[in-house]
PDB file of N, CA and C in Angstrom:
ATOM      1  N   MET A   1       3.548  19.171 -44.585  1.00  0.00           N
ATOM      2  CA  MET A   1       3.542  18.500 -43.288  1.00  0.00           C
ATOM      3  C   MET A   1       2.179  17.840 -43.102  1.00  0.00           C
ATOM      4  N   GLY A   2       2.166  16.627 -42.532  1.00  0.00           N
ATOM      5  CA  GLY A   2       0.937  15.882 -42.307  1.00  0.00           C
ATOM      6  C   GLY A   2       0.167  16.419 -41.116  1.00  0.00           C
ATOM      7  N   LYS A   3      -0.948  15.782 -40.868  1.00  0.00           N
ATOM      8  CA  LYS A   3      -1.804  16.158 -39.745  1.00  0.00           C
ATOM      9  C   LYS A   3      -1.124  15.816 -38.428  1.00  0.00           C
ATOM     10  N   VAL A   4      -1.189  16.736 -37.481  1.00  0.00           N
ATOM     11  CA  VAL A   4      -0.612  16.528 -36.158  1.00  0.00           C
ATOM     12  C   VAL A   4      -1.749  16.472 -35.148  1.00  0.00           C
ATOM     13  N   ASN A   5      -1.790  15.401 -34.366  1.00  0.00           N
ATOM     14  CA  ASN A   5      -2.771  15.280 -33.297  1.00  0.00           C
ATOM     15  C   ASN A   5      -2.208  15.952 -32.057  1.00  0.00           C
ATOM     16  N   ILE A   6      -2.964  16.853 -31.470  1.00  0.00           N
ATOM     17  CA  ILE A   6      -2.500  17.591 -30.296  1.00  0.00           C
ATOM     18  C   ILE A   6      -3.435  17.291 -29.129  1.00  0.00           C
ATOM     19  N   SER A   7      -2.853  16.866 -28.011  1.00  0.00           N
ATOM     20  CA  SER A   7      -3.633  16.537 -26.818  1.00  0.00           C
ATOM     21  C   SER A   7      -4.005  17.802 -26.051  1.00  0.00           C
ATOM     22  N   ILE A   8      -4.921  17.663 -25.122  1.00  0.00           N
ATOM     23  CA  ILE A   8      -5.313  18.789 -24.270  1.00  0.00           C
ATOM     24  C   ILE A   8      -4.114  19.282 -23.462  1.00  0.00           C
ATOM     25  N   TYR A   9      -3.253  18.353 -23.018  1.00  0.00           N
ATOM     26  CA  TYR A   9      -2.040  18.743 -22.292  1.00  0.00           C
ATOM     27  C   TYR A   9      -1.188  19.665 -23.151  1.00  0.00           C
ATOM     28  N   GLU A  10      -1.021  19.305 -24.421  1.00  0.00           N
ATOM     29  CA  GLU A  10      -0.205  20.114 -25.322  1.00  0.00           C
ATOM     30  C   GLU A  10      -0.845  21.481 -25.567  1.00  0.00           C
ATOM     31  N   LEU A  11      -2.168  21.506 -25.731  1.00  0.00           N
ATOM     32  CA  LEU A  11      -2.856  22.783 -25.925  1.00  0.00           C
ATOM     33  C   LEU A  11      -2.685  23.697 -24.719  1.00  0.00           C
ATOM     34  N   LEU A  12      -2.776  23.131 -23.531  1.00  0.00           N
ATOM     35  CA  LEU A  12      -2.571  23.932 -22.315  1.00  0.00           C
ATOM     36  C   LEU A  12      -1.137  24.455 -22.241  1.00  0.00           C
ATOM     37  N   ALA A  13      -0.168  23.613 -22.615  1.00  0.00           N
ATOM     38  CA  ALA A  13       1.233  24.042 -22.610  1.00  0.00           C
ATOM     39  C   ALA A  13       1.448  25.184 -23.597  1.00  0.00           C
ATOM     40  N   VAL A  14       0.856  25.077 -24.777  1.00  0.00           N
ATOM     41  CA  VAL A  14       0.978  26.142 -25.779  1.00  0.00           C
ATOM     42  C   VAL A  14       0.332  27.423 -25.259  1.00  0.00           C
ATOM     43  N   ALA A  15      -0.824  27.319 -24.610  1.00  0.00           N
ATOM     44  CA  ALA A  15      -1.500  28.497 -24.051  1.00  0.00           C
ATOM     45  C   ALA A  15      -0.628  29.174 -23.001  1.00  0.00           C
ATOM     46  N   ARG A  16       0.009  28.372 -22.116  1.00  0.00           N
ATOM     47  CA  ARG A  16       0.907  28.954 -21.095  1.00  0.00           C
ATOM     48  C   ARG A  16       2.095  29.636 -21.753  1.00  0.00           C
ATOM     49  N   GLU A  17       2.671  28.995 -22.776  1.00  0.00           N
ATOM     50  CA  GLU A  17       3.817  29.578 -23.477  1.00  0.00           C
ATOM     51  C   GLU A  17       3.435  30.901 -24.138  1.00  0.00           C
ATOM     52  N   THR A  18       2.242  30.939 -24.744  1.00  0.00           N
ATOM     53  CA  THR A  18       1.774  32.143 -25.426  1.00  0.00           C
ATOM     54  C   THR A  18       1.602  33.296 -24.448  1.00  0.00           C
ATOM     55  N   GLN A  19       1.140  32.992 -23.252  1.00  0.00           N
ATOM     56  CA  GLN A  19       0.933  34.013 -22.231  1.00  0.00           C
ATOM     57  C   GLN A  19       2.228  34.389 -21.503  1.00  0.00           C
ATOM     58  N   GLY A  20       3.287  33.647 -21.783  1.00  0.00           N
ATOM     59  CA  GLY A  20       4.562  33.941 -21.123  1.00  0.00           C
ATOM     60  C   GLY A  20       4.626  33.438 -19.696  1.00  0.00           C
ATOM     61  N   SER A  21       3.718  32.522 -19.321  1.00  0.00           N
ATOM     62  CA  SER A  21       3.693  32.047 -17.940  1.00  0.00           C
ATOM     63  C   SER A  21       4.137  30.602 -17.799  1.00  0.00           C
ATOM     64  N   ASP A  22       4.744  30.044 -18.844  1.00  0.00           N
ATOM     65  CA  ASP A  22       5.165  28.644 -18.781  1.00  0.00           C
ATOM     66  C   ASP A  22       6.434  28.526 -17.946  1.00  0.00           C
ATOM     67  N   TYR A  23       6.437  27.635 -16.995  1.00  0.00           N
ATOM     68  CA  TYR A  23       7.588  27.436 -16.120  1.00  0.00           C
ATOM     69  C   TYR A  23       8.591  26.452 -16.703  1.00  0.00           C
ATOM     70  N   VAL A  24       8.257  25.854 -17.848  1.00  0.00           N
ATOM     71  CA  VAL A  24       9.126  24.850 -18.459  1.00  0.00           C
ATOM     72  C   VAL A  24      10.190  25.550 -19.303  1.00  0.00           C
ATOM     73  N   LYS A  25      11.446  25.242 -19.020  1.00  0.00           N
ATOM     74  CA  LYS A  25      12.549  25.799 -19.797  1.00  0.00           C
ATOM     75  C   LYS A  25      12.871  24.846 -20.948  1.00  0.00           C
ATOM     76  N   GLY A  26      13.625  25.301 -21.908  1.00  0.00           N
ATOM     77  CA  GLY A  26      14.024  24.433 -23.014  1.00  0.00           C
ATOM     78  C   GLY A  26      13.133  24.605 -24.224  1.00  0.00           C
ATOM     79  N   ASP A  27      12.786  23.498 -24.861  1.00  0.00           N
ATOM     80  CA  ASP A  27      12.017  23.531 -26.107  1.00  0.00           C
ATOM     81  C   ASP A  27      10.557  23.869 -25.850  1.00  0.00           C
ATOM     82  N   SER A  28       9.983  24.705 -26.727  1.00  0.00           N
ATOM     83  CA  SER A  28       8.549  24.980 -26.628  1.00  0.00           C
ATOM     84  C   SER A  28       7.793  23.779 -27.186  1.00  0.00           C
ATOM     85  N   MET A  29       6.527  23.680 -26.865  1.00  0.00           N
ATOM     86  CA  MET A  29       5.733  22.521 -27.253  1.00  0.00           C
ATOM     87  C   MET A  29       5.640  22.375 -28.779  1.00  0.00           C
ATOM     88  N   LEU A  30       5.642  23.474 -29.507  1.00  0.00           N
ATOM     89  CA  LEU A  30       5.507  23.415 -30.959  1.00  0.00           C
ATOM     90  C   LEU A  30       6.777  23.878 -31.678  1.00  0.00           C
ATOM     91  N   CYS A  31       7.927  23.636 -31.080  1.00  0.00           N
ATOM     92  CA  CYS A  31       9.188  24.064 -31.683  1.00  0.00           C
ATOM     93  C   CYS A  31       9.511  23.252 -32.939  1.00  0.00           C
ATOM     94  N   GLU A  32      10.414  23.792 -33.758  1.00  0.00           N
ATOM     95  CA  GLU A  32      10.822  23.118 -34.996  1.00  0.00           C
ATOM     96  C   GLU A  32      11.387  21.725 -34.751  1.00  0.00           C
ATOM     97  N   ARG A  33      12.152  21.573 -33.683  1.00  0.00           N
ATOM     98  CA  ARG A  33      12.812  20.290 -33.401  1.00  0.00           C
ATOM     99  C   ARG A  33      11.796  19.155 -33.285  1.00  0.00           C
ATOM    100  N   ARG A  34      10.610  19.452 -32.761  1.00  0.00           N
ATOM    101  CA  ARG A  34       9.564  18.428 -32.614  1.00  0.00           C
ATOM    102  C   ARG A  34       9.212  17.795 -33.961  1.00  0.00           C
ATOM    103  N   PHE A  35       9.255  18.564 -35.020  1.00  0.00           N
ATOM    104  CA  PHE A  35       8.788  18.113 -36.335  1.00  0.00           C
ATOM    105  C   PHE A  35       9.921  17.638 -37.250  1.00  0.00           C
ATOM    106  N   GLN A  36      11.149  17.604 -36.757  1.00  0.00           N
ATOM    107  CA  GLN A  36      12.254  17.109 -37.571  1.00  0.00           C
ATOM    108  C   GLN A  36      12.187  15.585 -37.666  1.00  0.00           C
ATOM    109  N   ALA A  37      12.603  15.064 -38.806  1.00  0.00           N
ATOM    110  CA  ALA A  37      12.486  13.625 -39.080  1.00  0.00           C
ATOM    111  C   ALA A  37      13.229  12.764 -38.069  1.00  0.00           C
ATOM    112  N   GLN A  38      14.366  13.217 -37.557  1.00  0.00           N
ATOM    113  CA  GLN A  38      15.176  12.398 -36.649  1.00  0.00           C
ATOM    114  C   GLN A  38      14.716  12.476 -35.186  1.00  0.00           C
ATOM    115  N   THR A  39      13.776  13.358 -34.858  1.00  0.00           N
ATOM    116  CA  THR A  39      13.292  13.481 -33.480  1.00  0.00           C
ATOM    117  C   THR A  39      12.424  12.280 -33.126  1.00  0.00           C
ATOM    118  N   ARG A  40      12.762  11.607 -32.020  1.00  0.00           N
ATOM    119  CA  ARG A  40      12.046  10.395 -31.612  1.00  0.00           C
ATOM    120  C   ARG A  40      11.465  10.453 -30.201  1.00  0.00           C
ATOM    121  N   HIS A  41      11.924  11.403 -29.376  1.00  0.00           N
ATOM    122  CA  HIS A  41      11.478  11.440 -27.979  1.00  0.00           C
ATOM    123  C   HIS A  41      11.273  12.875 -27.515  1.00  0.00           C
ATOM    124  N   MET A  42      10.318  13.053 -26.600  1.00  0.00           N
ATOM    125  CA  MET A  42      10.128  14.299 -25.873  1.00  0.00           C
ATOM    126  C   MET A  42      10.174  13.926 -24.406  1.00  0.00           C
ATOM    127  N   ILE A  43      10.968  14.649 -23.645  1.00  0.00           N
ATOM    128  CA  ILE A  43      10.980  14.429 -22.194  1.00  0.00           C
ATOM    129  C   ILE A  43      10.824  15.760 -21.480  1.00  0.00           C
ATOM    130  N   GLU A  44      10.191  15.706 -20.326  1.00  0.00           N
ATOM    131  CA  GLU A  44      10.189  16.814 -19.377  1.00  0.00           C
ATOM    132  C   GLU A  44      10.845  16.259 -18.136  1.00  0.00           C
ATOM    133  N   PHE A  45      11.759  17.039 -17.571  1.00  0.00           N
ATOM    134  CA  PHE A  45      12.562  16.535 -16.467  1.00  0.00           C
ATOM    135  C   PHE A  45      12.940  17.651 -15.512  1.00  0.00           C
ATOM    136  N   LEU A  46      13.273  17.242 -14.311  1.00  0.00           N
ATOM    137  CA  LEU A  46      13.781  18.135 -13.281  1.00  0.00           C
ATOM    138  C   LEU A  46      15.277  17.886 -13.149  1.00  0.00           C
ATOM    139  N   VAL A  47      16.063  18.946 -13.189  1.00  0.00           N
ATOM    140  CA  VAL A  47      17.508  18.807 -13.000  1.00  0.00           C
ATOM    141  C   VAL A  47      17.753  18.686 -11.503  1.00  0.00           C
ATOM    142  N   THR A  48      18.240  17.521 -11.074  1.00  0.00           N
ATOM    143  CA  THR A  48      18.414  17.249  -9.641  1.00  0.00           C
ATOM    144  C   THR A  48      19.871  17.249  -9.212  1.00  0.00           C
ATOM    145  N   GLY A  49      20.770  17.156 -10.174  1.00  0.00           N
ATOM    146  CA  GLY A  49      22.201  17.115  -9.851  1.00  0.00           C
ATOM    147  C   GLY A  49      22.846  18.471 -10.028  1.00  0.00           C
ATOM    148  N   THR A  50      24.096  18.430 -10.401  1.00  0.00           N
ATOM    149  CA  THR A  50      24.864  19.650 -10.620  1.00  0.00           C
ATOM    150  C   THR A  50      24.536  20.236 -11.987  1.00  0.00           C
ATOM    151  N   GLN A  51      25.121  21.368 -12.293  1.00  0.00           N
ATOM    152  CA  GLN A  51      24.943  22.005 -13.601  1.00  0.00           C
ATOM    153  C   GLN A  51      25.336  21.032 -14.711  1.00  0.00           C
ATOM    154  N   THR A  52      24.428  20.793 -15.649  1.00  0.00           N
ATOM    155  CA  THR A  52      24.715  19.907 -16.786  1.00  0.00           C
ATOM    156  C   THR A  52      24.356  20.629 -18.069  1.00  0.00           C
ATOM    157  N   GLU A  53      24.642  19.993 -19.193  1.00  0.00           N
ATOM    158  CA  GLU A  53      24.243  20.554 -20.480  1.00  0.00           C
ATOM    159  C   GLU A  53      22.723  20.589 -20.607  1.00  0.00           C
ATOM    160  N   MET A  54      22.018  19.877 -19.743  1.00  0.00           N
ATOM    161  CA  MET A  54      20.563  19.830 -19.785  1.00  0.00           C
ATOM    162  C   MET A  54      19.913  20.980 -19.015  1.00  0.00           C
ATOM    163  N   GLY A  55      20.663  21.633 -18.111  1.00  0.00           N
ATOM    164  CA  GLY A  55      20.097  22.743 -17.363  1.00  0.00           C
ATOM    165  C   GLY A  55      20.732  22.927 -16.002  1.00  0.00           C
ATOM    166  N   SER A  56      20.231  23.926 -15.284  1.00  0.00           N
ATOM    167  CA  SER A  56      20.723  24.250 -13.949  1.00  0.00           C
ATOM    168  C   SER A  56      19.970  23.475 -12.885  1.00  0.00           C
ATOM    169  N   PRO A  57      20.584  23.215 -11.740  1.00  0.00           N
ATOM    170  CA  PRO A  57      19.898  22.504 -10.661  1.00  0.00           C
ATOM    171  C   PRO A  57      18.569  23.172 -10.299  1.00  0.00           C
ATOM    172  N   GLY A  58      17.536  22.352 -10.180  1.00  0.00           N
ATOM    173  CA  GLY A  58      16.206  22.841  -9.836  1.00  0.00           C
ATOM    174  C   GLY A  58      15.351  23.238 -11.029  1.00  0.00           C
ATOM    175  N   ALA A  59      15.925  23.313 -12.218  1.00  0.00           N
ATOM    176  CA  ALA A  59      15.174  23.709 -13.406  1.00  0.00           C
ATOM    177  C   ALA A  59      14.283  22.563 -13.887  1.00  0.00           C
ATOM    178  N   TYR A  60      13.097  22.904 -14.354  1.00  0.00           N
ATOM    179  CA  TYR A  60      12.181  21.950 -14.986  1.00  0.00           C
ATOM    180  C   TYR A  60      12.243  22.239 -16.478  1.00  0.00           C
ATOM    181  N   CYS A  61      12.618  21.245 -17.285  1.00  0.00           N
ATOM    182  CA  CYS A  61      12.914  21.465 -18.705  1.00  0.00           C
ATOM    183  C   CYS A  61      12.171  20.485 -19.603  1.00  0.00           C
ATOM    184  N   ARG A  62      12.008  20.905 -20.860  1.00  0.00           N
ATOM    185  CA  ARG A  62      11.443  20.047 -21.906  1.00  0.00           C
ATOM    186  C   ARG A  62      12.455  19.991 -23.039  1.00  0.00           C
ATOM    187  N   ARG A  63      12.677  18.794 -23.596  1.00  0.00           N
ATOM    188  CA  ARG A  63      13.574  18.634 -24.736  1.00  0.00           C
ATOM    189  C   ARG A  63      12.985  17.624 -25.714  1.00  0.00           C
ATOM    190  N   PHE A  64      13.119  17.933 -26.995  1.00  0.00           N
ATOM    191  CA  PHE A  64      12.807  16.990 -28.061  1.00  0.00           C
ATOM    192  C   PHE A  64      14.137  16.423 -28.520  1.00  0.00           C
ATOM    193  N   LEU A  65      14.256  15.085 -28.552  1.00  0.00           N
ATOM    194  CA  LEU A  65      15.553  14.431 -28.706  1.00  0.00           C
ATOM    195  C   LEU A  65      15.573  13.370 -29.802  1.00  0.00           C
ATOM    196  N   THR A  66      16.767  13.185 -30.367  1.00  0.00           N
ATOM    197  CA  THR A  66      17.003  12.059 -31.265  1.00  0.00           C
ATOM    198  C   THR A  66      17.172  10.816 -30.400  1.00  0.00           C
ATOM    199  N   GLU A  67      17.165   9.652 -31.029  1.00  0.00           N
ATOM    200  CA  GLU A  67      17.356   8.398 -30.290  1.00  0.00           C
ATOM    201  C   GLU A  67      18.702   8.396 -29.564  1.00  0.00           C
ATOM    202  N   GLU A  68      19.746   8.860 -30.232  1.00  0.00           N
ATOM    203  CA  GLU A  68      21.087   8.875 -29.641  1.00  0.00           C
ATOM    204  C   GLU A  68      21.163   9.776 -28.405  1.00  0.00           C
ATOM    205  N   ILE A  69      20.635  10.976 -28.513  1.00  0.00           N
ATOM    206  CA  ILE A  69      20.665  11.905 -27.377  1.00  0.00           C
ATOM    207  C   ILE A  69      19.767  11.397 -26.250  1.00  0.00           C
ATOM    208  N   TYR A  70      18.637  10.785 -26.583  1.00  0.00           N
ATOM    209  CA  TYR A  70      17.755  10.227 -25.562  1.00  0.00           C
ATOM    210  C   TYR A  70      18.476   9.160 -24.745  1.00  0.00           C
ATOM    211  N   ASN A  71      19.218   8.280 -25.411  1.00  0.00           N
ATOM    212  CA  ASN A  71      19.965   7.242 -24.688  1.00  0.00           C
ATOM    213  C   ASN A  71      21.020   7.846 -23.764  1.00  0.00           C
ATOM    214  N   LYS A  72      21.669   8.919 -24.186  1.00  0.00           N
ATOM    215  CA  LYS A  72      22.630   9.614 -23.314  1.00  0.00           C
ATOM    216  C   LYS A  72      21.910  10.245 -22.125  1.00  0.00           C
ATOM    217  N   THR A  73      20.706  10.739 -22.369  1.00  0.00           N
ATOM    218  CA  THR A  73      19.913  11.361 -21.307  1.00  0.00           C
ATOM    219  C   THR A  73      19.487  10.322 -20.271  1.00  0.00           C
ATOM    220  N   LEU A  74      19.172   9.109 -20.713  1.00  0.00           N
ATOM    221  CA  LEU A  74      18.830   8.045 -19.767  1.00  0.00           C
ATOM    222  C   LEU A  74      20.000   7.764 -18.825  1.00  0.00           C
ATOM    223  N   HIS A  75      21.211   7.885 -19.334  1.00  0.00           N
ATOM    224  CA  HIS A  75      22.402   7.701 -18.491  1.00  0.00           C
ATOM    225  C   HIS A  75      22.456   8.782 -17.411  1.00  0.00           C
ATOM    226  N   LEU A  76      22.109  10.031 -17.758  1.00  0.00           N
ATOM    227  CA  LEU A  76      22.061  11.101 -16.755  1.00  0.00           C
ATOM    228  C   LEU A  76      21.009  10.797 -15.684  1.00  0.00           C
ATOM    229  N   ALA A  77      19.876  10.220 -16.096  1.00  0.00           N
ATOM    230  CA  ALA A  77      18.828   9.862 -15.142  1.00  0.00           C
ATOM    231  C   ALA A  77      19.307   8.754 -14.206  1.00  0.00           C
ATOM    232  N   GLU A  78      20.021   7.775 -14.748  1.00  0.00           N
ATOM    233  CA  GLU A  78      20.558   6.687 -13.922  1.00  0.00           C
ATOM    234  C   GLU A  78      21.563   7.211 -12.897  1.00  0.00           C
ATOM    235  N   LYS A  79      22.315   8.231 -13.258  1.00  0.00           N
ATOM    236  CA  LYS A  79      23.303   8.832 -12.349  1.00  0.00           C
ATOM    237  C   LYS A  79      22.654   9.772 -11.334  1.00  0.00           C
ATOM    238  N   GLY A  80      21.359  10.066 -11.491  1.00  0.00           N
ATOM    239  CA  GLY A  80      20.673  10.962 -10.570  1.00  0.00           C
ATOM    240  C   GLY A  80      20.839  12.427 -10.898  1.00  0.00           C
ATOM    241  N   GLU A  81      21.335  12.750 -12.085  1.00  0.00           N
ATOM    242  CA  GLU A  81      21.516  14.147 -12.491  1.00  0.00           C
ATOM    243  C   GLU A  81      20.199  14.797 -12.895  1.00  0.00           C
ATOM    244  N   ILE A  82      19.282  13.989 -13.461  1.00  0.00           N
ATOM    245  CA  ILE A  82      17.962  14.485 -13.838  1.00  0.00           C
ATOM    246  C   ILE A  82      16.914  13.473 -13.399  1.00  0.00           C
ATOM    247  N   CYS A  83      15.683  13.937 -13.290  1.00  0.00           N
ATOM    248  CA  CYS A  83      14.550  13.089 -12.936  1.00  0.00           C
ATOM    249  C   CYS A  83      13.492  13.279 -14.023  1.00  0.00           C
ATOM    250  N   ILE A  84      13.305  12.277 -14.879  1.00  0.00           N
ATOM    251  CA  ILE A  84      12.363  12.383 -15.990  1.00  0.00           C
ATOM    252  C   ILE A  84      10.932  12.298 -15.445  1.00  0.00           C
ATOM    253  N   GLN A  85      10.156  13.351 -15.692  1.00  0.00           N
ATOM    254  CA  GLN A  85       8.781  13.433 -15.219  1.00  0.00           C
ATOM    255  C   GLN A  85       7.769  12.984 -16.270  1.00  0.00           C
ATOM    256  N   LYS A  86       8.021  13.336 -17.545  1.00  0.00           N
ATOM    257  CA  LYS A  86       7.128  12.967 -18.646  1.00  0.00           C
ATOM    258  C   LYS A  86       7.976  12.494 -19.813  1.00  0.00           C
ATOM    259  N   HIS A  87       7.481  11.475 -20.510  1.00  0.00           N
ATOM    260  CA  HIS A  87       8.166  10.947 -21.682  1.00  0.00           C
ATOM    261  C   HIS A  87       7.135  10.636 -22.748  1.00  0.00           C
ATOM    262  N   ALA A  88       7.445  11.019 -23.983  1.00  0.00           N
ATOM    263  CA  ALA A  88       6.585  10.678 -25.117  1.00  0.00           C
ATOM    264  C   ALA A  88       7.470  10.305 -26.291  1.00  0.00           C
ATOM    265  N   THR A  89       7.026   9.318 -27.062  1.00  0.00           N
ATOM    266  CA  THR A  89       7.704   9.054 -28.320  1.00  0.00           C
ATOM    267  C   THR A  89       7.110  10.013 -29.345  1.00  0.00           C
ATOM    268  N   VAL A  90       7.919  10.385 -30.329  1.00  0.00           N
ATOM    269  CA  VAL A  90       7.502  11.350 -31.348  1.00  0.00           C
ATOM    270  C   VAL A  90       7.496  10.658 -32.699  1.00  0.00           C
ATOM    271  N   ASP A  91       6.373  10.756 -33.393  1.00  0.00           N
ATOM    272  CA  ASP A  91       6.247  10.196 -34.733  1.00  0.00           C
ATOM    273  C   ASP A  91       5.643  11.267 -35.632  1.00  0.00           C
ATOM    274  N   ARG A  92       6.459  11.856 -36.500  1.00  0.00           N
ATOM    275  CA  ARG A  92       6.032  12.930 -37.403  1.00  0.00           C
ATOM    276  C   ARG A  92       5.333  14.055 -36.643  1.00  0.00           C
ATOM    277  N   GLY A  93       5.879  14.404 -35.480  1.00  0.00           N
ATOM    278  CA  GLY A  93       5.336  15.500 -34.685  1.00  0.00           C
ATOM    279  C   GLY A  93       4.264  15.097 -33.697  1.00  0.00           C
ATOM    280  N   ASN A  94       3.710  13.905 -33.829  1.00  0.00           N
ATOM    281  CA  ASN A  94       2.687  13.423 -32.897  1.00  0.00           C
ATOM    282  C   ASN A  94       3.340  12.811 -31.669  1.00  0.00           C
ATOM    283  N   LEU A  95       2.789  13.099 -30.507  1.00  0.00           N
ATOM    284  CA  LEU A  95       3.329  12.593 -29.251  1.00  0.00           C
ATOM    285  C   LEU A  95       2.484  11.443 -28.725  1.00  0.00           C
ATOM    286  N   GLN A  96       3.160  10.375 -28.336  1.00  0.00           N
ATOM    287  CA  GLN A  96       2.519   9.234 -27.678  1.00  0.00           C
ATOM    288  C   GLN A  96       3.138   9.115 -26.297  1.00  0.00           C
ATOM    289  N   TYR A  97       2.392   9.507 -25.274  1.00  0.00           N
ATOM    290  CA  TYR A  97       2.942   9.542 -23.917  1.00  0.00           C
ATOM    291  C   TYR A  97       3.140   8.142 -23.356  1.00  0.00           C
ATOM    292  N   LYS A  98       4.246   7.971 -22.636  1.00  0.00           N
ATOM    293  CA  LYS A  98       4.633   6.706 -22.010  1.00  0.00           C
ATOM    294  C   LYS A  98       4.804   6.942 -20.512  1.00  0.00           C
ATOM    295  N   PRO A  99       4.703   5.894 -19.700  1.00  0.00           N
ATOM    296  CA  PRO A  99       4.989   6.055 -18.271  1.00  0.00           C
ATOM    297  C   PRO A  99       6.440   6.498 -18.075  1.00  0.00           C
ATOM    298  N   ALA A 100       6.645   7.444 -17.189  1.00  0.00           N
ATOM    299  CA  ALA A 100       8.005   7.939 -16.931  1.00  0.00           C
ATOM    300  C   ALA A 100       8.142   8.281 -15.461  1.00  0.00           C
ATOM    301  N   ALA A 101       8.316   7.261 -14.652  1.00  0.00           N
ATOM    302  CA  ALA A 101       8.507   7.496 -13.217  1.00  0.00           C
ATOM    303  C   ALA A 101       9.899   8.051 -12.983  1.00  0.00           C
ATOM    304  N   CYS A 102       9.992   8.953 -12.064  1.00  0.00           N
ATOM    305  CA  CYS A 102      11.280   9.557 -11.725  1.00  0.00           C
ATOM    306  C   CYS A 102      12.239   8.480 -11.259  1.00  0.00           C
ATOM    307  N   GLN A 103      13.443   8.484 -11.810  1.00  0.00           N
ATOM    308  CA  GLN A 103      14.457   7.490 -11.456  1.00  0.00           C
ATOM    309  C   GLN A 103      14.774   7.540  -9.959  1.00  0.00           C
ATOM    310  N   GLN A 104      14.810   8.727  -9.375  1.00  0.00           N
ATOM    311  CA  GLN A 104      15.143   8.833  -7.953  1.00  0.00           C
ATOM    312  C   GLN A 104      14.093   8.189  -7.071  1.00  0.00           C
ATOM    313  N   SER A 105      12.797   8.387  -7.423  1.00  0.00           N
ATOM    314  CA  SER A 105      11.755   7.797  -6.587  1.00  0.00           C
ATOM    315  C   SER A 105      11.800   6.279  -6.664  1.00  0.00           C
ATOM    316  N   GLN A 106      12.189   5.711  -7.809  1.00  0.00           N
ATOM    317  CA  GLN A 106      12.307   4.277  -7.934  1.00  0.00           C
ATOM    318  C   GLN A 106      13.442   3.758  -7.057  1.00  0.00           C
ATOM    319  N   LYS A 107      14.569   4.474  -6.983  1.00  0.00           N
ATOM    320  CA  LYS A 107      15.693   4.044  -6.166  1.00  0.00           C
ATOM    321  C   LYS A 107      15.306   4.017  -4.691  1.00  0.00           C
ATOM    322  N   GLY A 108      14.489   5.001  -4.274  1.00  0.00           N
ATOM    323  CA  GLY A 108      14.096   5.076  -2.874  1.00  0.00           C
ATOM    324  C   GLY A 108      13.170   3.960  -2.452  1.00  0.00           C
ATOM    325  N   GLN A 109      12.498   3.309  -3.425  1.00  0.00           N
ATOM    326  CA  GLN A 109      11.554   2.257  -3.104  1.00  0.00           C
ATOM    327  C   GLN A 109      12.198   0.874  -3.080  1.00  0.00           C
ATOM    328  N   GLU A 110      13.457   0.751  -3.503  1.00  0.00           N
ATOM    329  CA  GLU A 110      14.114  -0.554  -3.550  1.00  0.00           C
ATOM    330  C   GLU A 110      14.579  -1.004  -2.183  1.00  0.00           C
TER     331      GLU A 110
END
């Protein structure tokens, strides 16, 4: 495996996970899925709708996703089922954070 650049945000997330105090459900920051060749996106989101395959209402979750699953997840955000809080593209395990405004807050501003 090549060199992985880890941000301070990621180090803090790993520290919280190690202490058992991380409030984020789903994938851990250094899970296997992050380093798989087909993984292209990492999102952290709040489940705002009904129970979905992504989580229970009110849950804050992290998922590492393929391009196909990410596109399906964007559809859930458009429907108001989830609110994406953080988004990063994944390249060989390295995260490049992108702007990810919550879909609901954007709707309220129109």
